[in-house]
Amino acid sequence: MTEAIEVQLKKGVLALCVLALLSKADSYAYEIASKLAKDIDMGEGTIYPLMRRMQSDGQVETYLVESQSGPPRKYYRLTPAGRASFTAQKAEWAAFVSAVDNILGAAA
């Protein structure tokens, strides 16, 4: 049961984590996926559909950068709507974490 909860928690914060990474610097999907795999043990295959959805939702936009080791890479950057979404989601996350901490602290 614990593993199922962990998977759902990760899926729930995946978009927020992507927005957070892109708020720091533009990046390509494999780089984002690698960081998420390393830091929160999220599978690489989950990032690509999310990036497409975020692009169609207007949160990110793409541009190509020539690569010295192969074809050009598609980089993602936040749009103004993506920055606004990140700010809102970050505040919601902080409030949620605070509420859960209060409940856990009150638990016997």
C-alpha atoms as a PDB file:
ATOM      1  CA  MET A   1       0.000   0.000   0.000  1.00  0.00           C
ATOM      2  CA  THR A   2       2.828   2.425   0.816  1.00  0.00           C
ATOM      3  CA  GLU A   3       4.314   2.106  -2.678  1.00  0.00           C
ATOM      4  CA  ALA A   4       0.976   3.044  -4.278  1.00  0.00           C
ATOM      5  CA  ILE A   5       0.760   6.153  -2.106  1.00  0.00           C
ATOM      6  CA  GLU A   6       4.334   7.101  -2.999  1.00  0.00           C
ATOM      7  CA  VAL A   7       3.619   6.774  -6.727  1.00  0.00           C
ATOM      8  CA  GLN A   8       0.501   8.937  -6.424  1.00  0.00           C
ATOM      9  CA  LEU A   9       2.388  11.587  -4.439  1.00  0.00           C
ATOM     10  CA  LYS A  10       5.098  11.725  -7.101  1.00  0.00           C
ATOM     11  CA  LYS A  11       2.583  11.995  -9.927  1.00  0.00           C
ATOM     12  CA  GLY A  12       0.810  14.761  -8.039  1.00  0.00           C
ATOM     13  CA  VAL A  13       3.894  16.951  -7.794  1.00  0.00           C
ATOM     14  CA  LEU A  14       5.527  16.115 -11.116  1.00  0.00           C
ATOM     15  CA  ALA A  15       4.263  19.193 -12.971  1.00  0.00           C
ATOM     16  CA  LEU A  16       5.255  21.429 -10.056  1.00  0.00           C
ATOM     17  CA  CYS A  17       8.763  19.932 -10.076  1.00  0.00           C
ATOM     18  CA  VAL A  18       9.098  20.507 -13.831  1.00  0.00           C
ATOM     19  CA  LEU A  19       7.937  24.118 -13.440  1.00  0.00           C
ATOM     20  CA  ALA A  20      10.433  24.575 -10.598  1.00  0.00           C
ATOM     21  CA  LEU A  21      13.326  23.219 -12.680  1.00  0.00           C
ATOM     22  CA  LEU A  22      12.395  25.400 -15.653  1.00  0.00           C
ATOM     23  CA  SER A  23      12.051  28.457 -13.407  1.00  0.00           C
ATOM     24  CA  LYS A  24      15.790  28.117 -12.755  1.00  0.00           C
ATOM     25  CA  ALA A  25      16.935  27.478 -16.340  1.00  0.00           C
ATOM     26  CA  ASP A  26      15.729  26.354 -19.764  1.00  0.00           C
ATOM     27  CA  SER A  27      16.267  22.648 -20.294  1.00  0.00           C
ATOM     28  CA  TYR A  28      15.605  19.749 -22.638  1.00  0.00           C
ATOM     29  CA  ALA A  29      13.288  16.877 -21.712  1.00  0.00           C
ATOM     30  CA  TYR A  30      15.981  14.234 -21.172  1.00  0.00           C
ATOM     31  CA  GLU A  31      17.852  16.546 -18.787  1.00  0.00           C
ATOM     32  CA  ILE A  32      14.637  17.217 -16.835  1.00  0.00           C
ATOM     33  CA  ALA A  33      13.795  13.506 -16.779  1.00  0.00           C
ATOM     34  CA  SER A  34      17.292  12.608 -15.558  1.00  0.00           C
ATOM     35  CA  LYS A  35      17.095  15.135 -12.731  1.00  0.00           C
ATOM     36  CA  LEU A  36      13.667  13.873 -11.657  1.00  0.00           C
ATOM     37  CA  ALA A  37      14.809  10.244 -11.888  1.00  0.00           C
ATOM     38  CA  LYS A  38      17.807  11.023  -9.683  1.00  0.00           C
ATOM     39  CA  ASP A  39      16.088  13.257  -7.121  1.00  0.00           C
ATOM     40  CA  ILE A  40      12.628  11.707  -6.726  1.00  0.00           C
ATOM     41  CA  ASP A  41      13.038   8.349  -8.492  1.00  0.00           C
ATOM     42  CA  MET A  42      10.523   9.234 -11.198  1.00  0.00           C
ATOM     43  CA  GLY A  43      10.644   7.183 -14.390  1.00  0.00           C
ATOM     44  CA  GLU A  44      11.899   8.968 -17.502  1.00  0.00           C
ATOM     45  CA  GLY A  45       8.913   7.851 -19.582  1.00  0.00           C
ATOM     46  CA  THR A  46       6.508   9.970 -17.560  1.00  0.00           C
ATOM     47  CA  ILE A  47       8.089  13.291 -18.510  1.00  0.00           C
ATOM     48  CA  TYR A  48       7.492  13.323 -22.272  1.00  0.00           C
ATOM     49  CA  PRO A  49       3.659  13.230 -22.200  1.00  0.00           C
ATOM     50  CA  LEU A  50       3.729  15.846 -19.435  1.00  0.00           C
ATOM     51  CA  MET A  51       5.964  18.161 -21.478  1.00  0.00           C
ATOM     52  CA  ARG A  52       3.595  17.871 -24.463  1.00  0.00           C
ATOM     53  CA  ARG A  53       0.612  18.649 -22.235  1.00  0.00           C
ATOM     54  CA  MET A  54       2.371  21.619 -20.641  1.00  0.00           C
ATOM     55  CA  GLN A  55       3.205  22.925 -24.102  1.00  0.00           C
ATOM     56  CA  SER A  56      -0.369  22.558 -25.347  1.00  0.00           C
ATOM     57  CA  ASP A  57      -1.582  24.260 -22.137  1.00  0.00           C
ATOM     58  CA  GLY A  58       0.711  27.217 -22.880  1.00  0.00           C
ATOM     59  CA  GLN A  59       2.910  26.782 -19.806  1.00  0.00           C
ATOM     60  CA  VAL A  60       6.083  26.067 -21.764  1.00  0.00           C
ATOM     61  CA  GLU A  61       7.415  26.827 -25.217  1.00  0.00           C
ATOM     62  CA  THR A  62      10.210  25.179 -27.148  1.00  0.00           C
ATOM     63  CA  TYR A  63      13.187  26.170 -29.243  1.00  0.00           C
ATOM     64  CA  LEU A  64      15.959  24.172 -30.914  1.00  0.00           C
ATOM     65  CA  VAL A  65      19.632  24.308 -29.960  1.00  0.00           C
ATOM     66  CA  GLU A  66      22.314  22.701 -32.095  1.00  0.00           C
ATOM     67  CA  SER A  67      24.027  19.776 -30.398  1.00  0.00           C
ATOM     68  CA  GLN A  68      27.645  18.749 -30.932  1.00  0.00           C
ATOM     69  CA  SER A  69      26.741  15.119 -30.270  1.00  0.00           C
ATOM     70  CA  GLY A  70      23.785  14.620 -32.608  1.00  0.00           C
ATOM     71  CA  PRO A  71      20.633  16.297 -33.848  1.00  0.00           C
ATOM     72  CA  PRO A  72      19.444  19.623 -32.418  1.00  0.00           C
ATOM     73  CA  ARG A  73      17.891  19.442 -28.963  1.00  0.00           C
ATOM     74  CA  LYS A  74      14.433  20.763 -28.192  1.00  0.00           C
ATOM     75  CA  TYR A  75      14.725  23.057 -25.180  1.00  0.00           C
ATOM     76  CA  TYR A  76      11.795  24.064 -23.008  1.00  0.00           C
ATOM     77  CA  ARG A  77      11.307  27.402 -21.285  1.00  0.00           C
ATOM     78  CA  LEU A  78       8.517  28.781 -19.162  1.00  0.00           C
ATOM     79  CA  THR A  79       6.030  31.157 -20.715  1.00  0.00           C
ATOM     80  CA  PRO A  80       4.548  33.986 -18.633  1.00  0.00           C
ATOM     81  CA  ALA A  81       1.559  31.685 -18.034  1.00  0.00           C
ATOM     82  CA  GLY A  82       3.952  28.958 -16.886  1.00  0.00           C
ATOM     83  CA  ARG A  83       5.643  31.345 -14.445  1.00  0.00           C
ATOM     84  CA  ALA A  84       2.247  32.373 -13.064  1.00  0.00           C
ATOM     85  CA  SER A  85       1.235  28.721 -12.748  1.00  0.00           C
ATOM     86  CA  PHE A  86       4.487  27.920 -10.921  1.00  0.00           C
ATOM     87  CA  THR A  87       3.939  30.763  -8.459  1.00  0.00           C
ATOM     88  CA  ALA A  88       0.361  29.651  -7.773  1.00  0.00           C
ATOM     89  CA  GLN A  89       1.205  25.942  -7.491  1.00  0.00           C
ATOM     90  CA  LYS A  90       4.167  26.656  -5.223  1.00  0.00           C
ATOM     91  CA  ALA A  91       1.899  28.615  -2.837  1.00  0.00           C
ATOM     92  CA  GLU A  92      -0.719  25.849  -2.939  1.00  0.00           C
ATOM     93  CA  TRP A  93       1.961  23.248  -2.223  1.00  0.00           C
ATOM     94  CA  ALA A  94       3.298  25.219   0.760  1.00  0.00           C
ATOM     95  CA  ALA A  95      -0.209  25.544   2.210  1.00  0.00           C
ATOM     96  CA  PHE A  96      -0.875  21.838   1.647  1.00  0.00           C
ATOM     97  CA  VAL A  97       2.408  20.767   3.257  1.00  0.00           C
ATOM     98  CA  SER A  98       1.703  23.026   6.231  1.00  0.00           C
ATOM     99  CA  ALA A  99      -1.780  21.539   6.665  1.00  0.00           C
ATOM    100  CA  VAL A 100      -0.459  17.968   6.452  1.00  0.00           C
ATOM    101  CA  ASP A 101       2.344  18.789   8.909  1.00  0.00           C
ATOM    102  CA  ASN A 102      -0.251  20.160  11.346  1.00  0.00           C
ATOM    103  CA  ILE A 103      -2.305  16.989  11.066  1.00  0.00           C
ATOM    104  CA  LEU A 104       0.730  14.732  11.422  1.00  0.00           C
ATOM    105  CA  GLY A 105       1.981  16.728  14.391  1.00  0.00           C
ATOM    106  CA  ALA A 106      -1.409  16.367  16.085  1.00  0.00           C
ATOM    107  CA  ALA A 107      -1.553  12.600  15.445  1.00  0.00           C
ATOM    108  CA  ALA A 108      -1.025  10.360  18.444  1.00  0.00           C
END
